N, C-alpha and C. Protein backbone atom coordinates (compact mmCIF):
# COMPACT_ATOMS: atom_id res chain seq x y z
N MET A 1 -30.90 -248.43 48.70
CA MET A 1 -30.00 -249.50 48.32
C MET A 1 -30.63 -250.28 47.18
N LEU A 2 -29.83 -250.59 46.16
CA LEU A 2 -30.27 -251.41 45.05
C LEU A 2 -29.90 -252.86 45.32
N ILE A 3 -30.78 -253.76 44.94
CA ILE A 3 -30.56 -255.18 45.19
C ILE A 3 -30.78 -255.94 43.88
N SER A 4 -29.93 -256.90 43.62
CA SER A 4 -30.10 -257.78 42.47
C SER A 4 -29.70 -259.18 42.91
N GLU A 5 -30.38 -260.18 42.40
CA GLU A 5 -30.02 -261.56 42.73
C GLU A 5 -30.37 -262.49 41.59
N VAL A 6 -29.74 -263.64 41.57
CA VAL A 6 -30.06 -264.68 40.61
C VAL A 6 -30.32 -265.98 41.35
N GLN A 7 -31.20 -266.79 40.77
CA GLN A 7 -31.52 -268.11 41.30
C GLN A 7 -31.25 -269.11 40.19
N TRP A 8 -30.42 -270.11 40.45
CA TRP A 8 -30.08 -271.12 39.47
C TRP A 8 -31.30 -271.93 39.08
N ILE A 9 -31.47 -272.19 37.78
CA ILE A 9 -32.56 -273.03 37.27
C ILE A 9 -32.00 -274.39 36.91
N ASP A 10 -31.12 -274.41 35.90
CA ASP A 10 -30.47 -275.64 35.45
C ASP A 10 -29.34 -275.24 34.50
N GLY A 11 -28.46 -276.17 34.20
CA GLY A 11 -27.36 -275.87 33.28
C GLY A 11 -26.65 -274.60 33.69
N GLU A 12 -26.61 -273.64 32.78
CA GLU A 12 -26.04 -272.32 33.07
C GLU A 12 -27.11 -271.24 33.04
N ARG A 13 -28.36 -271.65 33.36
CA ARG A 13 -29.50 -270.72 33.36
C ARG A 13 -29.85 -270.29 34.78
N PHE A 14 -30.22 -269.02 34.87
CA PHE A 14 -30.63 -268.43 36.14
C PHE A 14 -31.84 -267.53 35.87
N VAL A 15 -32.61 -267.29 36.91
CA VAL A 15 -33.61 -266.23 36.86
C VAL A 15 -33.03 -265.10 37.69
N GLY A 16 -32.95 -263.94 37.06
CA GLY A 16 -32.45 -262.76 37.74
C GLY A 16 -33.58 -261.83 38.08
N ILE A 17 -33.48 -261.19 39.22
CA ILE A 17 -34.50 -260.22 39.64
C ILE A 17 -33.78 -259.10 40.39
N GLY A 18 -34.23 -257.89 40.12
CA GLY A 18 -33.61 -256.73 40.75
C GLY A 18 -34.59 -255.96 41.62
N THR A 19 -34.16 -254.81 42.03
CA THR A 19 -34.95 -253.95 42.90
C THR A 19 -36.33 -253.67 42.31
N SER A 20 -36.40 -253.56 40.98
CA SER A 20 -37.67 -253.25 40.31
C SER A 20 -38.66 -254.41 40.37
N LYS A 21 -38.19 -255.58 40.76
CA LYS A 21 -39.00 -256.81 40.85
C LYS A 21 -39.33 -257.42 39.49
N HIS A 22 -38.67 -256.96 38.43
CA HIS A 22 -38.85 -257.57 37.11
C HIS A 22 -37.86 -258.71 36.98
N ALA A 23 -38.35 -259.85 36.52
CA ALA A 23 -37.51 -261.04 36.40
C ALA A 23 -37.11 -261.28 34.94
N MET A 24 -35.95 -261.93 34.75
CA MET A 24 -35.52 -262.31 33.41
C MET A 24 -34.67 -263.56 33.51
N VAL A 25 -34.69 -264.32 32.43
CA VAL A 25 -33.83 -265.49 32.34
C VAL A 25 -32.45 -265.03 31.86
N ILE A 26 -31.41 -265.50 32.50
CA ILE A 26 -30.03 -265.23 32.10
C ILE A 26 -29.41 -266.59 31.78
N ASP A 27 -28.84 -266.71 30.58
CA ASP A 27 -28.30 -267.99 30.15
C ASP A 27 -26.90 -267.81 29.58
N SER A 28 -25.91 -268.35 30.26
CA SER A 28 -24.53 -268.24 29.80
C SER A 28 -24.16 -269.33 28.80
N ASP A 29 -25.02 -270.32 28.62
CA ASP A 29 -24.75 -271.43 27.69
C ASP A 29 -25.17 -271.02 26.29
N ARG A 30 -24.21 -270.79 25.43
CA ARG A 30 -24.50 -270.32 24.07
C ARG A 30 -25.24 -271.36 23.24
N LYS A 31 -25.17 -272.64 23.64
CA LYS A 31 -25.86 -273.69 22.89
C LYS A 31 -27.37 -273.64 23.13
N SER A 32 -27.78 -273.51 24.39
CA SER A 32 -29.21 -273.48 24.69
C SER A 32 -29.81 -272.11 24.40
N ASN A 33 -29.07 -271.05 24.66
CA ASN A 33 -29.45 -269.69 24.29
C ASN A 33 -30.91 -269.36 24.61
N THR A 34 -31.32 -269.59 25.84
CA THR A 34 -32.70 -269.31 26.25
C THR A 34 -32.87 -267.93 26.86
N GLY A 35 -31.81 -267.17 26.91
CA GLY A 35 -31.86 -265.82 27.45
C GLY A 35 -30.53 -265.14 27.23
N PRO A 36 -30.47 -263.84 27.46
CA PRO A 36 -29.20 -263.14 27.28
C PRO A 36 -28.19 -263.59 28.33
N GLY A 37 -26.92 -263.54 27.94
CA GLY A 37 -25.84 -263.83 28.87
C GLY A 37 -25.46 -262.59 29.66
N PRO A 38 -24.70 -262.75 30.72
CA PRO A 38 -24.34 -261.60 31.56
C PRO A 38 -23.63 -260.48 30.80
N MET A 39 -22.67 -260.81 29.95
CA MET A 39 -21.94 -259.77 29.24
C MET A 39 -22.82 -259.09 28.18
N GLU A 40 -23.76 -259.84 27.61
CA GLU A 40 -24.73 -259.26 26.68
C GLU A 40 -25.60 -258.24 27.42
N LEU A 41 -25.96 -258.57 28.65
CA LEU A 41 -26.77 -257.65 29.45
C LEU A 41 -26.00 -256.37 29.78
N VAL A 42 -24.68 -256.49 29.96
CA VAL A 42 -23.87 -255.30 30.22
C VAL A 42 -23.96 -254.35 29.02
N LEU A 43 -23.82 -254.88 27.80
CA LEU A 43 -23.93 -254.04 26.60
C LEU A 43 -25.34 -253.45 26.46
N THR A 44 -26.35 -254.24 26.76
CA THR A 44 -27.72 -253.75 26.70
C THR A 44 -27.92 -252.64 27.71
N ALA A 45 -27.35 -252.80 28.90
CA ALA A 45 -27.44 -251.76 29.93
C ALA A 45 -26.77 -250.47 29.44
N LEU A 46 -25.62 -250.60 28.79
CA LEU A 46 -24.94 -249.42 28.24
C LEU A 46 -25.83 -248.72 27.22
N CYS A 47 -26.40 -249.48 26.31
CA CYS A 47 -27.28 -248.89 25.29
C CYS A 47 -28.48 -248.19 25.94
N GLY A 48 -29.09 -248.85 26.91
CA GLY A 48 -30.24 -248.26 27.59
C GLY A 48 -29.89 -247.01 28.37
N CYS A 49 -28.74 -247.02 29.02
CA CYS A 49 -28.30 -245.89 29.83
C CYS A 49 -28.05 -244.67 28.95
N THR A 50 -27.27 -244.85 27.90
CA THR A 50 -26.93 -243.71 27.05
C THR A 50 -28.12 -243.25 26.22
N ALA A 51 -28.98 -244.16 25.79
CA ALA A 51 -30.18 -243.77 25.04
C ALA A 51 -31.10 -242.92 25.91
N THR A 52 -31.22 -243.28 27.19
CA THR A 52 -32.04 -242.51 28.12
C THR A 52 -31.49 -241.09 28.26
N ASP A 53 -30.16 -240.99 28.38
CA ASP A 53 -29.53 -239.66 28.48
C ASP A 53 -29.81 -238.82 27.24
N VAL A 54 -29.57 -239.41 26.07
CA VAL A 54 -29.75 -238.68 24.81
C VAL A 54 -31.20 -238.24 24.67
N LEU A 55 -32.13 -239.13 24.96
CA LEU A 55 -33.55 -238.80 24.90
C LEU A 55 -33.88 -237.63 25.82
N SER A 56 -33.39 -237.69 27.05
CA SER A 56 -33.65 -236.63 28.03
C SER A 56 -33.07 -235.29 27.59
N ILE A 57 -31.83 -235.31 27.10
CA ILE A 57 -31.18 -234.07 26.68
C ILE A 57 -31.88 -233.47 25.46
N LEU A 58 -32.22 -234.30 24.48
CA LEU A 58 -32.91 -233.79 23.29
C LEU A 58 -34.30 -233.24 23.65
N THR A 59 -34.96 -233.89 24.59
CA THR A 59 -36.27 -233.39 25.04
C THR A 59 -36.13 -232.03 25.70
N LYS A 60 -35.13 -231.89 26.58
CA LYS A 60 -34.90 -230.60 27.26
C LYS A 60 -34.55 -229.50 26.27
N LYS A 61 -33.86 -229.87 25.18
CA LYS A 61 -33.49 -228.88 24.16
C LYS A 61 -34.64 -228.64 23.16
N ARG A 62 -35.74 -229.34 23.38
CA ARG A 62 -36.92 -229.25 22.50
C ARG A 62 -36.60 -229.58 21.04
N GLU A 63 -35.74 -230.59 20.88
CA GLU A 63 -35.40 -231.06 19.54
C GLU A 63 -36.51 -232.00 19.07
N PRO A 64 -36.98 -231.84 17.84
CA PRO A 64 -38.12 -232.65 17.34
C PRO A 64 -37.70 -234.04 16.83
N PHE A 65 -37.16 -234.87 17.71
CA PHE A 65 -36.76 -236.22 17.30
C PHE A 65 -38.00 -237.11 17.19
N THR A 66 -37.91 -238.10 16.34
CA THR A 66 -39.01 -239.05 16.18
C THR A 66 -38.59 -240.47 16.55
N SER A 67 -37.27 -240.69 16.64
CA SER A 67 -36.78 -242.01 17.05
C SER A 67 -35.36 -241.89 17.58
N VAL A 68 -35.03 -242.78 18.51
CA VAL A 68 -33.67 -242.88 19.05
C VAL A 68 -33.37 -244.36 19.19
N ARG A 69 -32.27 -244.79 18.58
CA ARG A 69 -31.83 -246.18 18.68
C ARG A 69 -30.34 -246.18 18.92
N VAL A 70 -29.89 -247.05 19.82
CA VAL A 70 -28.46 -247.18 20.09
C VAL A 70 -28.08 -248.65 19.96
N ARG A 71 -27.06 -248.91 19.15
CA ARG A 71 -26.55 -250.26 18.96
C ARG A 71 -25.10 -250.29 19.42
N ALA A 72 -24.68 -251.37 20.05
CA ALA A 72 -23.30 -251.52 20.50
C ALA A 72 -22.63 -252.68 19.77
N GLU A 73 -21.42 -252.44 19.30
CA GLU A 73 -20.58 -253.48 18.72
C GLU A 73 -19.33 -253.53 19.58
N ALA A 74 -18.98 -254.71 20.09
CA ALA A 74 -17.91 -254.77 21.08
C ALA A 74 -16.93 -255.91 20.82
N GLU A 75 -15.73 -255.71 21.32
CA GLU A 75 -14.68 -256.74 21.31
C GLU A 75 -14.30 -257.01 22.76
N ARG A 76 -13.96 -258.29 23.01
CA ARG A 76 -13.56 -258.68 24.37
C ARG A 76 -12.12 -259.17 24.38
N ALA A 77 -11.52 -259.12 25.55
CA ALA A 77 -10.15 -259.60 25.72
C ALA A 77 -10.09 -261.09 25.40
N ALA A 78 -8.96 -261.54 24.89
CA ALA A 78 -8.80 -262.95 24.51
C ALA A 78 -8.64 -263.86 25.73
N GLU A 79 -8.06 -263.34 26.80
CA GLU A 79 -7.79 -264.13 28.00
C GLU A 79 -8.66 -263.65 29.16
N PRO A 80 -8.99 -264.54 30.08
CA PRO A 80 -9.77 -264.14 31.26
C PRO A 80 -9.01 -263.11 32.11
N PRO A 81 -9.70 -262.19 32.68
CA PRO A 81 -11.14 -261.96 32.51
C PRO A 81 -11.40 -261.33 31.15
N THR A 82 -12.37 -261.85 30.44
CA THR A 82 -12.62 -261.40 29.07
C THR A 82 -13.51 -260.15 29.07
N VAL A 83 -12.94 -259.08 29.62
CA VAL A 83 -13.65 -257.80 29.70
C VAL A 83 -13.78 -257.20 28.31
N TYR A 84 -14.66 -256.25 28.17
CA TYR A 84 -14.75 -255.51 26.92
C TYR A 84 -13.52 -254.63 26.79
N THR A 85 -12.90 -254.67 25.61
CA THR A 85 -11.72 -253.84 25.36
C THR A 85 -12.03 -252.70 24.40
N SER A 86 -13.03 -252.87 23.55
CA SER A 86 -13.47 -251.78 22.68
C SER A 86 -14.97 -251.92 22.45
N ILE A 87 -15.61 -250.78 22.43
CA ILE A 87 -17.06 -250.73 22.21
C ILE A 87 -17.34 -249.57 21.27
N LYS A 88 -18.09 -249.86 20.22
CA LYS A 88 -18.53 -248.80 19.31
C LYS A 88 -20.02 -248.64 19.50
N LEU A 89 -20.45 -247.45 19.84
CA LEU A 89 -21.86 -247.15 19.99
C LEU A 89 -22.34 -246.44 18.74
N ILE A 90 -23.39 -246.96 18.13
CA ILE A 90 -23.95 -246.36 16.93
C ILE A 90 -25.33 -245.82 17.29
N TYR A 91 -25.45 -244.51 17.24
CA TYR A 91 -26.69 -243.82 17.55
C TYR A 91 -27.43 -243.53 16.25
N SER A 92 -28.69 -243.91 16.16
CA SER A 92 -29.54 -243.56 15.02
C SER A 92 -30.65 -242.67 15.56
N VAL A 93 -30.68 -241.44 15.08
CA VAL A 93 -31.66 -240.47 15.57
C VAL A 93 -32.49 -239.98 14.39
N GLY A 94 -33.80 -240.09 14.54
CA GLY A 94 -34.71 -239.64 13.49
C GLY A 94 -35.39 -238.35 13.85
N GLY A 95 -35.81 -237.63 12.85
CA GLY A 95 -36.52 -236.37 13.06
C GLY A 95 -35.72 -235.20 12.53
N LYS A 96 -36.28 -234.03 12.67
CA LYS A 96 -35.61 -232.80 12.19
C LYS A 96 -34.77 -232.21 13.32
N VAL A 97 -33.79 -232.98 13.75
CA VAL A 97 -32.92 -232.56 14.84
C VAL A 97 -31.68 -231.87 14.27
N THR A 98 -31.10 -230.99 15.07
CA THR A 98 -29.85 -230.37 14.63
C THR A 98 -28.70 -231.29 14.99
N LYS A 99 -27.71 -231.35 14.11
CA LYS A 99 -26.55 -232.21 14.35
C LYS A 99 -25.84 -231.82 15.64
N LYS A 100 -25.72 -230.52 15.89
CA LYS A 100 -25.02 -230.06 17.09
C LYS A 100 -25.72 -230.55 18.36
N ALA A 101 -27.04 -230.49 18.36
CA ALA A 101 -27.79 -230.94 19.54
C ALA A 101 -27.57 -232.42 19.80
N VAL A 102 -27.59 -233.22 18.76
CA VAL A 102 -27.39 -234.67 18.91
C VAL A 102 -25.95 -234.94 19.35
N GLU A 103 -24.99 -234.31 18.70
CA GLU A 103 -23.58 -234.50 19.07
C GLU A 103 -23.34 -234.10 20.53
N ASP A 104 -23.92 -232.99 20.95
CA ASP A 104 -23.78 -232.55 22.35
C ASP A 104 -24.40 -233.56 23.31
N ALA A 105 -25.58 -234.07 22.95
CA ALA A 105 -26.26 -235.04 23.82
C ALA A 105 -25.44 -236.32 23.96
N VAL A 106 -24.88 -236.81 22.85
CA VAL A 106 -24.07 -238.02 22.88
C VAL A 106 -22.80 -237.78 23.71
N ARG A 107 -22.15 -236.65 23.52
CA ARG A 107 -20.94 -236.32 24.27
C ARG A 107 -21.21 -236.20 25.76
N LEU A 108 -22.29 -235.51 26.12
CA LEU A 108 -22.63 -235.36 27.54
C LEU A 108 -22.95 -236.70 28.19
N SER A 109 -23.64 -237.56 27.45
CA SER A 109 -23.93 -238.88 27.99
C SER A 109 -22.64 -239.63 28.27
N LYS A 110 -21.74 -239.66 27.29
CA LYS A 110 -20.50 -240.41 27.42
C LYS A 110 -19.59 -239.84 28.51
N GLU A 111 -19.46 -238.54 28.55
CA GLU A 111 -18.48 -237.91 29.44
C GLU A 111 -19.01 -237.61 30.84
N LYS A 112 -20.34 -237.49 30.99
CA LYS A 112 -20.85 -237.03 32.28
C LYS A 112 -21.96 -237.87 32.89
N TYR A 113 -22.97 -238.23 32.11
CA TYR A 113 -24.19 -238.76 32.71
C TYR A 113 -24.32 -240.28 32.77
N CYS A 114 -23.84 -241.00 31.78
CA CYS A 114 -24.10 -242.44 31.73
C CYS A 114 -23.16 -243.20 32.67
N SER A 115 -23.70 -243.69 33.75
CA SER A 115 -22.92 -244.42 34.76
C SER A 115 -22.32 -245.70 34.19
N VAL A 116 -23.06 -246.38 33.34
CA VAL A 116 -22.56 -247.63 32.75
C VAL A 116 -21.36 -247.33 31.87
N SER A 117 -21.44 -246.27 31.09
CA SER A 117 -20.33 -245.87 30.24
C SER A 117 -19.10 -245.53 31.08
N GLN A 118 -19.31 -244.83 32.17
CA GLN A 118 -18.19 -244.46 33.04
C GLN A 118 -17.49 -245.70 33.59
N MET A 119 -18.24 -246.73 33.95
CA MET A 119 -17.63 -247.97 34.45
C MET A 119 -16.89 -248.69 33.35
N LEU A 120 -17.51 -248.82 32.19
CA LEU A 120 -16.91 -249.59 31.10
C LEU A 120 -15.67 -248.90 30.51
N GLN A 121 -15.59 -247.58 30.61
CA GLN A 121 -14.43 -246.86 30.09
C GLN A 121 -13.15 -247.21 30.85
N LYS A 122 -13.27 -247.87 31.97
CA LYS A 122 -12.09 -248.29 32.74
C LYS A 122 -11.32 -249.39 32.01
N THR A 123 -12.02 -250.19 31.19
CA THR A 123 -11.35 -251.28 30.46
C THR A 123 -11.51 -251.19 28.95
N ALA A 124 -12.48 -250.43 28.48
CA ALA A 124 -12.79 -250.42 27.04
C ALA A 124 -12.68 -249.02 26.46
N LYS A 125 -12.16 -248.96 25.25
CA LYS A 125 -12.19 -247.72 24.50
C LYS A 125 -13.56 -247.63 23.86
N ILE A 126 -14.30 -246.58 24.19
CA ILE A 126 -15.65 -246.42 23.66
C ILE A 126 -15.63 -245.33 22.59
N THR A 127 -16.06 -245.70 21.39
CA THR A 127 -16.17 -244.74 20.30
C THR A 127 -17.64 -244.63 19.90
N VAL A 128 -17.95 -243.56 19.20
CA VAL A 128 -19.35 -243.32 18.82
C VAL A 128 -19.46 -243.00 17.34
N GLU A 129 -20.61 -243.30 16.80
CA GLU A 129 -20.97 -242.95 15.43
C GLU A 129 -22.42 -242.51 15.49
N ILE A 130 -22.76 -241.47 14.76
CA ILE A 130 -24.14 -240.98 14.75
C ILE A 130 -24.68 -241.06 13.33
N GLU A 131 -25.86 -241.67 13.22
CA GLU A 131 -26.58 -241.76 11.95
C GLU A 131 -27.86 -240.94 12.08
N TYR A 132 -28.14 -240.14 11.08
CA TYR A 132 -29.37 -239.34 11.10
C TYR A 132 -30.36 -239.99 10.14
N VAL A 133 -31.53 -240.31 10.66
CA VAL A 133 -32.55 -241.03 9.90
C VAL A 133 -33.60 -240.04 9.41
């Protein structure tokens, strides 16, 4: 079982801790901005999830990558709940990798492996772009 909890500090700040026992400040107040907000963390989780998949797939294919970076650009609904409605994932992959291997890795992550992507696809259209460095 996975466990996550937050403890209120002040204002709209909390300390969050999960099963891994790593703590982080979560701050929903954009004025104080002392930590990422919850929805920002969702996008970061998506980037981390899909980057891990792509890294794993390229490693298994013995592709000689030297870097993997994933950036998310997102739009949210105008009215509550202000869920993500569109997300563009930009993958930057460095090294002498084949385009087909990278495209396959990105597709497999989106369609099969990335749990965060599978959840977010319920409300958001997720598109991808690949940059070769």
